[in-house]
Structure formats: C-alpha cells, structure tokens
Amino acid sequence: MMNRTFVLLERISALLRSEQRREAGSAGLEPVHLQALGYLARANRFSDTPQSVGEYLGLSKGNMSQRLLWLERSGYLQRTKDEWDGRVVHLGLTGRGLKAVAEFSPPALWVEAGGEDENLAAELEKVLHRLLGRGGYRGFGQCRTCRHHQKRAGGGHCGLLKVDLEPDQIDKLCREHEMEEEAERIRTPDR
C-alpha cells in the first residue's frame, strides 16, 4: 500500500502544475518557467545564477539554459555580469517577470481553496529539511536562518562568504544555506 501523505502531496502537486499550465499558458509560460521566475524573485545575490536555478529545480544545465534563454528573449528576465567576477552572470526579473510571478504563482485555485496554512507549512518544512539532508541536496534557505548568518546593524554578515548583507538580502534564498541541525547531522551521520 502506498504512503497516504506521499499520494496526497503528489496529487496536489499535479493539480497545481496543471492549473499553472492552464492559467499561464495564455502568456506562453510553462510551470517550469514560473518555478524559475518564482525562485529568482526569492533568491539573494549569491544564488541568482543560472547554475543555482538549475540546482534548485533539479534540472540539467542544458535544459535550464534553454528555458532561461527563452525567459530572457521573452522579456521576463535580464542577465547582468558580476561586478567583481566577469565570468559570473546574475539573473534578475524584469517588470514583466515580476508581474508573472504575482499573477500566476501561486495559482488562483490554491488561494481559493485556502491552501495557505501555517501549521501545515511548518510540518512540510520539517519534511523538506529531512529530504534535503538525506538526499544530499542544497538547502536554499533564508540567510537569517543560516548557521553562518551574523546579525549586524543595518543588515547582516555571512560568515561563510565573508560579506556584509543588505537588509533586503537577509530574507532571500541562498544556495549556501545551512541550518545548525543540518551541520550537526553532517558531522555525526546516522548510525
């Protein structure tokens, strides 16, 4: 017999992807486009690269590259070179990209069904962290919840990357995120 929670999450995910496809299809967007735009809307300056988007979505470099190129050509995002390292490219949402995220993510069906529930979100977050840890995936959490985050006046500081963080960066997603319990688990794996 299948795990009931897994079956429910799988069905909910399928319905939401279908709804996103239906709603955003008129704009030529696929669910994966919305996932990429949604991620970039929440990513910090260390995590807004093509590689990070691919890692977050679990897509190959080639697959992600083509989808990002389409989003750029369609006016949803723009590329800029890093001011310190010209080899690094940052992705930012244009006004059209921000509008698409606001309009299609989450789908109206989710909002109408009352899908936002703090207790459910907290439980799912716990499951997500366990899945990430056991699967060896990056956490992509908010800087303020990272074990490397140091509070400072006017923002914060990343102890891992040794850089100051602007206040608007602290609540964004970072590919280098590591929760304290994740770090402890890595140091002392399950026996």
N, C-alpha and C. Protein backbone atom coordinates (compact mmCIF):
# COMPACT_ATOMS: atom_id res chain seq x y z
N MET A 1 0.85 -1.18 0.00
CA MET A 1 0.00 0.00 0.00
C MET A 1 0.89 1.25 0.00
N MET A 2 0.51 2.24 -0.79
CA MET A 2 1.29 3.47 -0.90
C MET A 2 1.12 4.34 0.34
N ASN A 3 2.11 5.15 0.58
CA ASN A 3 2.11 6.09 1.68
C ASN A 3 1.08 7.18 1.38
N ARG A 4 0.08 7.35 2.26
CA ARG A 4 -1.03 8.27 2.03
C ARG A 4 -0.56 9.72 1.85
N THR A 5 0.36 10.16 2.70
CA THR A 5 0.86 11.53 2.62
C THR A 5 1.53 11.77 1.28
N PHE A 6 2.35 10.83 0.84
CA PHE A 6 3.03 10.96 -0.45
C PHE A 6 2.00 11.05 -1.58
N VAL A 7 0.99 10.20 -1.55
CA VAL A 7 -0.04 10.20 -2.60
C VAL A 7 -0.76 11.54 -2.63
N LEU A 8 -1.09 12.06 -1.45
CA LEU A 8 -1.79 13.35 -1.39
C LEU A 8 -0.91 14.48 -1.93
N LEU A 9 0.36 14.52 -1.51
CA LEU A 9 1.26 15.57 -1.99
C LEU A 9 1.49 15.45 -3.49
N GLU A 10 1.61 14.24 -3.98
CA GLU A 10 1.81 14.02 -5.41
C GLU A 10 0.60 14.52 -6.20
N ARG A 11 -0.61 14.23 -5.72
CA ARG A 11 -1.83 14.66 -6.41
C ARG A 11 -2.00 16.18 -6.35
N ILE A 12 -1.74 16.76 -5.19
CA ILE A 12 -1.82 18.22 -5.06
C ILE A 12 -0.83 18.88 -6.01
N SER A 13 0.40 18.37 -6.06
CA SER A 13 1.42 18.92 -6.97
C SER A 13 0.97 18.85 -8.41
N ALA A 14 0.40 17.71 -8.80
CA ALA A 14 -0.07 17.55 -10.19
C ALA A 14 -1.19 18.54 -10.50
N LEU A 15 -2.11 18.72 -9.58
CA LEU A 15 -3.21 19.67 -9.79
C LEU A 15 -2.69 21.10 -9.91
N LEU A 16 -1.75 21.46 -9.05
CA LEU A 16 -1.21 22.82 -9.09
C LEU A 16 -0.43 23.07 -10.37
N ARG A 17 0.35 22.11 -10.83
CA ARG A 17 1.09 22.26 -12.10
C ARG A 17 0.10 22.39 -13.26
N SER A 18 -0.94 21.59 -13.24
CA SER A 18 -1.96 21.66 -14.29
C SER A 18 -2.64 23.02 -14.30
N GLU A 19 -2.94 23.52 -13.11
CA GLU A 19 -3.58 24.83 -13.00
C GLU A 19 -2.64 25.94 -13.47
N GLN A 20 -1.36 25.84 -13.11
CA GLN A 20 -0.39 26.83 -13.58
C GLN A 20 -0.28 26.78 -15.10
N ARG A 21 -0.26 25.58 -15.64
CA ARG A 21 -0.17 25.43 -17.10
C ARG A 21 -1.38 26.10 -17.77
N ARG A 22 -2.56 25.89 -17.19
CA ARG A 22 -3.79 26.46 -17.75
C ARG A 22 -3.80 27.98 -17.63
N GLU A 23 -3.47 28.49 -16.44
CA GLU A 23 -3.51 29.94 -16.21
C GLU A 23 -2.43 30.68 -16.98
N ALA A 24 -1.21 30.20 -16.92
CA ALA A 24 -0.08 30.92 -17.50
C ALA A 24 0.14 30.59 -18.97
N GLY A 25 -0.54 29.57 -19.46
CA GLY A 25 -0.38 29.18 -20.86
C GLY A 25 -0.71 30.30 -21.83
N SER A 26 -1.65 31.16 -21.48
CA SER A 26 -2.01 32.27 -22.36
C SER A 26 -0.84 33.23 -22.55
N ALA A 27 0.07 33.26 -21.59
CA ALA A 27 1.25 34.12 -21.69
C ALA A 27 2.43 33.34 -22.26
N GLY A 28 2.21 32.08 -22.64
CA GLY A 28 3.28 31.26 -23.19
C GLY A 28 4.19 30.64 -22.15
N LEU A 29 3.83 30.77 -20.89
CA LEU A 29 4.65 30.25 -19.80
C LEU A 29 4.26 28.82 -19.43
N GLU A 30 5.27 28.02 -19.13
CA GLU A 30 5.07 26.67 -18.63
C GLU A 30 5.33 26.70 -17.12
N PRO A 31 4.85 25.67 -16.38
CA PRO A 31 5.10 25.64 -14.94
C PRO A 31 6.58 25.79 -14.59
N VAL A 32 7.47 25.19 -15.36
CA VAL A 32 8.90 25.30 -15.05
C VAL A 32 9.39 26.74 -15.20
N HIS A 33 8.81 27.49 -16.11
CA HIS A 33 9.15 28.92 -16.24
C HIS A 33 8.74 29.67 -14.97
N LEU A 34 7.53 29.37 -14.49
CA LEU A 34 7.05 30.03 -13.27
C LEU A 34 7.89 29.63 -12.06
N GLN A 35 8.33 28.38 -12.03
CA GLN A 35 9.19 27.94 -10.93
C GLN A 35 10.51 28.72 -10.95
N ALA A 36 11.07 28.88 -12.13
CA ALA A 36 12.34 29.62 -12.25
C ALA A 36 12.14 31.08 -11.87
N LEU A 37 11.07 31.70 -12.36
CA LEU A 37 10.81 33.10 -12.01
C LEU A 37 10.54 33.26 -10.52
N GLY A 38 9.77 32.34 -9.96
CA GLY A 38 9.47 32.39 -8.52
C GLY A 38 10.72 32.24 -7.68
N TYR A 39 11.60 31.33 -8.10
CA TYR A 39 12.86 31.16 -7.38
C TYR A 39 13.69 32.45 -7.45
N LEU A 40 13.83 33.01 -8.65
CA LEU A 40 14.64 34.22 -8.81
C LEU A 40 14.07 35.40 -8.03
N ALA A 41 12.75 35.45 -7.87
CA ALA A 41 12.13 36.52 -7.08
C ALA A 41 12.53 36.42 -5.61
N ARG A 42 12.92 35.21 -5.17
CA ARG A 42 13.26 34.98 -3.76
C ARG A 42 14.76 34.77 -3.53
N ALA A 43 15.56 34.75 -4.59
CA ALA A 43 16.99 34.43 -4.48
C ALA A 43 17.82 35.65 -4.11
N ASN A 44 18.87 35.41 -3.31
CA ASN A 44 19.77 36.51 -2.97
C ASN A 44 20.84 36.66 -4.06
N ARG A 45 21.74 37.60 -3.86
CA ARG A 45 22.74 37.92 -4.89
C ARG A 45 23.78 36.84 -5.08
N PHE A 46 23.85 35.85 -4.20
CA PHE A 46 24.78 34.75 -4.36
C PHE A 46 24.11 33.55 -5.03
N SER A 47 22.81 33.64 -5.21
CA SER A 47 22.03 32.50 -5.68
C SER A 47 21.17 32.79 -6.89
N ASP A 48 21.41 33.91 -7.55
CA ASP A 48 20.61 34.29 -8.72
C ASP A 48 21.33 33.98 -10.03
N THR A 49 22.07 32.89 -10.05
CA THR A 49 22.83 32.48 -11.23
C THR A 49 22.11 31.35 -11.95
N PRO A 50 22.40 31.14 -13.24
CA PRO A 50 21.78 30.02 -13.95
C PRO A 50 22.02 28.68 -13.27
N GLN A 51 23.22 28.45 -12.77
CA GLN A 51 23.54 27.19 -12.11
C GLN A 51 22.66 26.98 -10.87
N SER A 52 22.47 28.04 -10.10
CA SER A 52 21.65 27.93 -8.89
C SER A 52 20.20 27.63 -9.22
N VAL A 53 19.67 28.25 -10.26
CA VAL A 53 18.28 27.99 -10.66
C VAL A 53 18.14 26.51 -11.02
N GLY A 54 19.08 25.99 -11.81
CA GLY A 54 19.05 24.59 -12.19
C GLY A 54 19.14 23.66 -11.00
N GLU A 55 20.02 23.97 -10.05
CA GLU A 55 20.16 23.15 -8.84
C GLU A 55 18.87 23.17 -8.03
N TYR A 56 18.28 24.33 -7.89
CA TYR A 56 17.05 24.45 -7.10
C TYR A 56 15.91 23.64 -7.72
N LEU A 57 15.81 23.69 -9.04
CA LEU A 57 14.72 22.99 -9.73
C LEU A 57 15.07 21.54 -10.07
N GLY A 58 16.33 21.17 -9.89
CA GLY A 58 16.75 19.80 -10.19
C GLY A 58 16.79 19.50 -11.68
N LEU A 59 17.16 20.50 -12.49
CA LEU A 59 17.23 20.32 -13.93
C LEU A 59 18.67 20.36 -14.42
N SER A 60 18.91 19.69 -15.52
CA SER A 60 20.26 19.67 -16.09
C SER A 60 20.64 21.06 -16.59
N LYS A 61 21.93 21.29 -16.73
CA LYS A 61 22.44 22.59 -17.18
C LYS A 61 21.88 22.96 -18.56
N GLY A 62 21.86 22.01 -19.48
CA GLY A 62 21.35 22.28 -20.83
C GLY A 62 19.87 22.60 -20.84
N ASN A 63 19.08 21.82 -20.11
CA ASN A 63 17.65 22.05 -20.03
C ASN A 63 17.36 23.41 -19.42
N MET A 64 18.03 23.73 -18.34
CA MET A 64 17.81 25.01 -17.66
C MET A 64 18.26 26.17 -18.53
N SER A 65 19.38 26.01 -19.21
CA SER A 65 19.92 27.06 -20.06
C SER A 65 18.91 27.46 -21.14
N GLN A 66 18.29 26.48 -21.77
CA GLN A 66 17.31 26.76 -22.82
C GLN A 66 16.08 27.48 -22.26
N ARG A 67 15.64 27.08 -21.12
CA ARG A 67 14.46 27.71 -20.51
C ARG A 67 14.76 29.15 -20.06
N LEU A 68 15.95 29.36 -19.51
CA LEU A 68 16.32 30.72 -19.11
C LEU A 68 16.51 31.62 -20.32
N LEU A 69 17.06 31.08 -21.39
CA LEU A 69 17.23 31.84 -22.63
C LEU A 69 15.86 32.27 -23.16
N TRP A 70 14.89 31.36 -23.12
CA TRP A 70 13.54 31.70 -23.59
C TRP A 70 12.95 32.81 -22.72
N LEU A 71 13.11 32.71 -21.40
CA LEU A 71 12.59 33.74 -20.50
C LEU A 71 13.24 35.10 -20.75
N GLU A 72 14.53 35.08 -21.05
CA GLU A 72 15.23 36.33 -21.35
C GLU A 72 14.73 36.92 -22.67
N ARG A 73 14.67 36.12 -23.69
CA ARG A 73 14.19 36.60 -25.01
C ARG A 73 12.75 37.09 -24.96
N SER A 74 11.97 36.51 -24.06
CA SER A 74 10.56 36.88 -23.93
C SER A 74 10.34 38.06 -23.00
N GLY A 75 11.43 38.59 -22.44
CA GLY A 75 11.33 39.79 -21.62
C GLY A 75 10.97 39.58 -20.16
N TYR A 76 11.12 38.35 -19.66
CA TYR A 76 10.80 38.07 -18.26
C TYR A 76 11.99 38.23 -17.33
N LEU A 77 13.19 38.09 -17.87
CA LEU A 77 14.37 38.27 -17.03
C LEU A 77 15.50 38.91 -17.82
N GLN A 78 16.49 39.40 -17.09
CA GLN A 78 17.66 40.02 -17.71
C GLN A 78 18.92 39.49 -17.05
N ARG A 79 19.99 39.45 -17.80
CA ARG A 79 21.28 38.98 -17.31
C ARG A 79 22.19 40.18 -17.08
N THR A 80 22.95 40.11 -16.01
CA THR A 80 23.98 41.13 -15.77
C THR A 80 25.24 40.42 -15.29
N LYS A 81 26.39 40.96 -15.68
CA LYS A 81 27.66 40.39 -15.25
C LYS A 81 27.96 40.84 -13.83
N ASP A 82 28.59 39.97 -13.08
CA ASP A 82 29.00 40.30 -11.73
C ASP A 82 30.06 41.40 -11.79
N GLU A 83 29.94 42.37 -10.90
CA GLU A 83 30.88 43.50 -10.94
C GLU A 83 32.29 43.11 -10.48
N TRP A 84 32.43 42.02 -9.71
CA TRP A 84 33.77 41.60 -9.25
C TRP A 84 34.35 40.45 -10.06
N ASP A 85 33.49 39.60 -10.61
CA ASP A 85 33.95 38.46 -11.38
C ASP A 85 33.15 38.39 -12.67
N GLY A 86 33.74 38.84 -13.76
CA GLY A 86 33.06 38.92 -15.05
C GLY A 86 32.60 37.58 -15.61
N ARG A 87 33.07 36.48 -15.04
CA ARG A 87 32.62 35.16 -15.50
C ARG A 87 31.25 34.79 -14.94
N VAL A 88 30.85 35.45 -13.86
CA VAL A 88 29.59 35.15 -13.18
C VAL A 88 28.47 36.01 -13.78
N VAL A 89 27.35 35.36 -14.05
CA VAL A 89 26.17 36.05 -14.59
C VAL A 89 25.06 35.99 -13.55
N HIS A 90 24.44 37.13 -13.29
CA HIS A 90 23.29 37.19 -12.38
C HIS A 90 22.03 37.35 -13.22
N LEU A 91 20.94 36.76 -12.73
CA LEU A 91 19.65 36.84 -13.39
C LEU A 91 18.71 37.67 -12.53
N GLY A 92 18.03 38.61 -13.14
CA GLY A 92 17.08 39.44 -12.41
C GLY A 92 15.76 39.51 -13.17
N LEU A 93 14.68 39.62 -12.44
CA LEU A 93 13.37 39.71 -13.08
C LEU A 93 13.13 41.11 -13.60
N THR A 94 12.54 41.18 -14.76
CA THR A 94 12.09 42.45 -15.31
C THR A 94 10.70 42.74 -14.73
N GLY A 95 10.14 43.86 -15.07
CA GLY A 95 8.78 44.16 -14.64
C GLY A 95 7.80 43.09 -15.10
N ARG A 96 8.01 42.60 -16.31
CA ARG A 96 7.14 41.54 -16.84
C ARG A 96 7.29 40.25 -16.03
N GLY A 97 8.51 39.94 -15.62
CA GLY A 97 8.76 38.75 -14.81
C GLY A 97 8.11 38.86 -13.44
N LEU A 98 8.25 40.03 -12.81
CA LEU A 98 7.62 40.25 -11.51
C LEU A 98 6.10 40.15 -11.60
N LYS A 99 5.54 40.68 -12.69
CA LYS A 99 4.09 40.63 -12.89
C LYS A 99 3.62 39.18 -13.06
N ALA A 100 4.38 38.37 -13.79
CA ALA A 100 4.01 36.97 -13.99
C ALA A 100 4.01 36.21 -12.67
N VAL A 101 5.01 36.45 -11.83
CA VAL A 101 5.07 35.77 -10.53
C VAL A 101 3.86 36.18 -9.68
N ALA A 102 3.57 37.47 -9.66
CA ALA A 102 2.44 37.96 -8.86
C ALA A 102 1.11 37.41 -9.37
N GLU A 103 0.98 37.28 -10.68
CA GLU A 103 -0.28 36.86 -11.28
C GLU A 103 -0.51 35.35 -11.24
N PHE A 104 0.54 34.55 -11.43
CA PHE A 104 0.35 33.11 -11.63
C PHE A 104 0.91 32.21 -10.53
N SER A 105 1.59 32.77 -9.54
CA SER A 105 2.21 31.91 -8.54
C SER A 105 1.95 32.45 -7.15
N PRO A 106 1.17 31.81 -6.32
CA PRO A 106 0.53 30.53 -6.56
C PRO A 106 -0.69 30.68 -7.47
N PRO A 107 -1.14 29.58 -8.05
CA PRO A 107 -2.33 29.66 -8.90
C PRO A 107 -3.56 30.09 -8.09
N ALA A 108 -4.51 30.70 -8.75
CA ALA A 108 -5.72 31.17 -8.08
C ALA A 108 -6.45 30.04 -7.36
N LEU A 109 -6.42 28.85 -7.93
CA LEU A 109 -7.08 27.69 -7.32
C LEU A 109 -6.54 27.43 -5.91
N TRP A 110 -5.23 27.57 -5.71
CA TRP A 110 -4.61 27.37 -4.41
C TRP A 110 -5.15 28.40 -3.40
N VAL A 111 -5.20 29.64 -3.83
CA VAL A 111 -5.68 30.72 -2.97
C VAL A 111 -7.15 30.51 -2.62
N GLU A 112 -7.96 30.18 -3.64
CA GLU A 112 -9.40 29.97 -3.43
C GLU A 112 -9.68 28.78 -2.51
N ALA A 113 -8.83 27.76 -2.56
CA ALA A 113 -9.01 26.57 -1.73
C ALA A 113 -8.47 26.78 -0.31
N GLY A 114 -7.92 27.95 -0.04
CA GLY A 114 -7.38 28.21 1.29
C GLY A 114 -6.14 27.39 1.58
N GLY A 115 -5.27 27.24 0.57
CA GLY A 115 -4.09 26.40 0.68
C GLY A 115 -3.04 26.87 1.66
N GLU A 116 -3.07 28.14 2.04
CA GLU A 116 -2.05 28.65 2.97
C GLU A 116 -2.45 28.33 4.41
N ASP A 117 -1.66 27.51 5.06
CA ASP A 117 -1.93 27.08 6.43
C ASP A 117 -0.58 27.00 7.15
N GLU A 118 -0.40 27.84 8.16
CA GLU A 118 0.89 27.93 8.85
C GLU A 118 1.32 26.61 9.50
N ASN A 119 0.37 25.89 10.09
CA ASN A 119 0.71 24.61 10.72
C ASN A 119 1.17 23.59 9.69
N LEU A 120 0.44 23.51 8.59
CA LEU A 120 0.81 22.59 7.51
C LEU A 120 2.17 22.98 6.93
N ALA A 121 2.37 24.28 6.73
CA ALA A 121 3.64 24.76 6.18
C ALA A 121 4.81 24.38 7.10
N ALA A 122 4.63 24.51 8.40
CA ALA A 122 5.69 24.17 9.35
C ALA A 122 6.02 22.68 9.29
N GLU A 123 5.00 21.84 9.20
CA GLU A 123 5.23 20.39 9.11
C GLU A 123 5.91 20.02 7.79
N LEU A 124 5.46 20.62 6.70
CA LEU A 124 6.07 20.34 5.40
C LEU A 124 7.52 20.81 5.35
N GLU A 125 7.80 21.91 6.03
CA GLU A 125 9.17 22.41 6.09
C GLU A 125 10.09 21.40 6.78
N LYS A 126 9.59 20.77 7.83
CA LYS A 126 10.37 19.73 8.52
C LYS A 126 10.67 18.56 7.58
N VAL A 127 9.63 18.14 6.84
CA VAL A 127 9.81 17.03 5.89
C VAL A 127 10.81 17.43 4.81
N LEU A 128 10.68 18.66 4.31
CA LEU A 128 11.60 19.14 3.29
C LEU A 128 13.04 19.09 3.77
N HIS A 129 13.31 19.55 4.97
CA HIS A 129 14.67 19.54 5.50
C HIS A 129 15.22 18.13 5.63
N ARG A 130 14.35 17.19 6.04
CA ARG A 130 14.81 15.80 6.12
C ARG A 130 15.12 15.24 4.74
N LEU A 131 14.28 15.55 3.76
CA LEU A 131 14.51 15.08 2.39
C LEU A 131 15.80 15.66 1.83
N LEU A 132 16.01 16.95 2.04
CA LEU A 132 17.22 17.59 1.54
C LEU A 132 18.47 16.95 2.14
N GLY A 133 18.44 16.74 3.44
CA GLY A 133 19.59 16.17 4.13
C GLY A 133 19.88 14.75 3.69
N ARG A 134 18.86 13.93 3.62
CA ARG A 134 19.07 12.53 3.25
C ARG A 134 19.41 12.38 1.78
N GLY A 135 18.93 13.30 0.97
CA GLY A 135 19.20 13.21 -0.47
C GLY A 135 20.48 13.91 -0.88
N GLY A 136 21.11 14.62 0.05
CA GLY A 136 22.34 15.33 -0.26
C GLY A 136 22.14 16.58 -1.11
N TYR A 137 20.95 17.18 -1.05
CA TYR A 137 20.64 18.37 -1.83
C TYR A 137 20.98 19.64 -1.05
N ARG A 138 21.15 20.73 -1.77
CA ARG A 138 21.36 22.03 -1.14
C ARG A 138 20.05 22.49 -0.50
N GLY A 139 20.18 23.22 0.61
CA GLY A 139 19.01 23.66 1.36
C GLY A 139 18.27 24.85 0.77
N PHE A 140 18.98 25.82 0.21
CA PHE A 140 18.37 27.02 -0.35
C PHE A 140 17.43 27.70 0.65
N GLY A 141 17.90 27.96 1.85
CA GLY A 141 17.08 28.62 2.85
C GLY A 141 17.37 30.11 2.94
N GLN A 142 16.63 30.79 3.81
CA GLN A 142 16.81 32.22 4.01
C GLN A 142 18.06 32.46 4.85
N CYS A 143 18.78 33.51 4.47
CA CYS A 143 20.03 33.85 5.18
C CYS A 143 19.82 33.94 6.68
N ARG A 144 18.74 34.57 7.12
CA ARG A 144 18.53 34.79 8.55
C ARG A 144 18.41 33.50 9.34
N THR A 145 18.13 32.35 8.69
CA THR A 145 18.01 31.08 9.40
C THR A 145 19.26 30.22 9.24
N CYS A 146 20.28 30.77 8.62
CA CYS A 146 21.51 30.01 8.34
C CYS A 146 22.47 30.07 9.54
N ARG A 147 23.20 28.99 9.73
CA ARG A 147 24.17 28.96 10.83
C ARG A 147 25.32 29.93 10.60
N HIS A 148 25.54 30.38 9.36
CA HIS A 148 26.62 31.31 9.05
C HIS A 148 26.19 32.78 9.18
N HIS A 149 24.89 33.02 9.36
CA HIS A 149 24.39 34.39 9.42
C HIS A 149 24.76 35.03 10.76
N GLN A 150 25.27 36.25 10.65
CA GLN A 150 25.62 37.03 11.84
C GLN A 150 24.86 38.34 11.76
N LYS A 151 24.09 38.64 12.81
CA LYS A 151 23.32 39.88 12.84
C LYS A 151 24.27 41.06 12.99
N ARG A 152 24.01 42.09 12.21
CA ARG A 152 24.80 43.32 12.29
C ARG A 152 23.85 44.51 12.14
N ALA A 153 24.26 45.63 12.64
CA ALA A 153 23.47 46.85 12.47
C ALA A 153 23.37 47.16 10.98
N GLY A 154 22.16 47.44 10.51
CA GLY A 154 21.97 47.79 9.11
C GLY A 154 21.95 46.60 8.18
N GLY A 155 21.80 45.39 8.70
CA GLY A 155 21.75 44.21 7.84
C GLY A 155 22.29 42.99 8.54
N GLY A 156 23.24 42.37 7.93
CA GLY A 156 23.83 41.17 8.50
C GLY A 156 25.16 40.88 7.84
N HIS A 157 25.74 39.76 8.19
CA HIS A 157 27.03 39.37 7.64
C HIS A 157 27.01 37.86 7.43
N CYS A 158 27.53 37.42 6.29
CA CYS A 158 27.66 35.99 6.01
C CYS A 158 29.06 35.56 6.43
N GLY A 159 29.12 34.73 7.48
CA GLY A 159 30.39 34.25 7.97
C GLY A 159 31.06 33.27 7.02
N LEU A 160 30.28 32.60 6.18
CA LEU A 160 30.85 31.65 5.22
C LEU A 160 31.53 32.38 4.07
N LEU A 161 30.80 33.32 3.46
CA LEU A 161 31.33 34.05 2.30
C LEU A 161 32.09 35.30 2.68
N LYS A 162 32.05 35.66 3.96
CA LYS A 162 32.77 36.83 4.50
C LYS A 162 32.35 38.13 3.82
N VAL A 163 31.03 38.31 3.70
CA VAL A 163 30.50 39.53 3.08
C VAL A 163 29.34 40.07 3.92
N ASP A 164 29.18 41.40 3.88
CA ASP A 164 28.04 42.03 4.53
C ASP A 164 26.81 41.82 3.68
N LEU A 165 25.66 41.74 4.35
CA LEU A 165 24.37 41.53 3.68
C LEU A 165 23.48 42.75 3.88
N GLU A 166 22.92 43.22 2.80
CA GLU A 166 21.95 44.30 2.87
C GLU A 166 20.68 43.76 3.53
N PRO A 167 19.89 44.61 4.17
CA PRO A 167 18.67 44.15 4.84
C PRO A 167 17.73 43.36 3.94
N ASP A 168 17.61 43.74 2.66
CA ASP A 168 16.70 43.03 1.76
C ASP A 168 17.21 41.65 1.36
N GLN A 169 18.48 41.37 1.61
CA GLN A 169 19.06 40.08 1.25
C GLN A 169 18.84 39.01 2.34
N ILE A 170 18.60 39.42 3.55
CA ILE A 170 18.53 38.50 4.69
C ILE A 170 17.36 37.53 4.58
N ASP A 171 16.26 37.95 3.98
CA ASP A 171 15.08 37.08 3.86
C ASP A 171 15.01 36.37 2.51
N LYS A 172 16.05 36.48 1.72
CA LYS A 172 16.06 35.82 0.41
C LYS A 172 16.71 34.45 0.51
N LEU A 173 16.50 33.64 -0.54
CA LEU A 173 17.07 32.29 -0.58
C LEU A 173 18.54 32.32 -0.95
N CYS A 174 19.31 31.47 -0.28
CA CYS A 174 20.73 31.36 -0.55
C CYS A 174 21.09 29.90 -0.79
N ARG A 175 21.86 29.65 -1.81
CA ARG A 175 22.27 28.28 -2.14
C ARG A 175 23.27 27.73 -1.14
N GLU A 176 23.92 28.59 -0.38
CA GLU A 176 24.91 28.16 0.60
C GLU A 176 24.30 27.93 1.99
N HIS A 177 22.99 28.08 2.10
CA HIS A 177 22.29 27.98 3.38
C HIS A 177 22.55 26.64 4.07
N GLU A 178 22.76 26.73 5.37
CA GLU A 178 22.98 25.53 6.17
C GLU A 178 22.40 25.77 7.56
N MET A 179 21.39 25.01 7.91
CA MET A 179 20.81 25.13 9.25
C MET A 179 21.73 24.45 10.24
N GLU A 180 21.69 24.89 11.48
CA GLU A 180 22.57 24.34 12.51
C GLU A 180 22.39 22.83 12.67
N GLU A 181 21.13 22.36 12.68
CA GLU A 181 20.93 20.92 12.85
C GLU A 181 21.43 20.14 11.63
N GLU A 182 21.41 20.76 10.44
CA GLU A 182 21.96 20.09 9.26
C GLU A 182 23.47 19.93 9.42
N ALA A 183 24.11 20.97 9.90
CA ALA A 183 25.56 20.91 10.08
C ALA A 183 25.92 19.84 11.11
N GLU A 184 25.13 19.76 12.17
CA GLU A 184 25.39 18.75 13.20
C GLU A 184 25.20 17.34 12.64
N ARG A 185 24.16 17.14 11.84
CA ARG A 185 23.89 15.83 11.25
C ARG A 185 25.01 15.42 10.30
N ILE A 186 25.55 16.37 9.57
CA ILE A 186 26.64 16.07 8.65
C ILE A 186 27.87 15.65 9.44
N ARG A 187 28.12 16.31 10.60
CA ARG A 187 29.28 15.97 11.42
C ARG A 187 29.12 14.61 12.09
N THR A 188 27.86 14.25 12.46
CA THR A 188 27.60 12.97 13.11
C THR A 188 26.45 12.26 12.39
N PRO A 189 26.74 11.59 11.26
CA PRO A 189 25.68 10.94 10.48
C PRO A 189 24.99 9.83 11.27
N ASP A 190 23.77 9.47 10.80
CA ASP A 190 23.00 8.38 11.41
C ASP A 190 23.84 7.11 11.47
N ARG A 191 23.69 6.39 12.54
CA ARG A 191 24.46 5.14 12.68
C ARG A 191 23.65 3.96 12.28
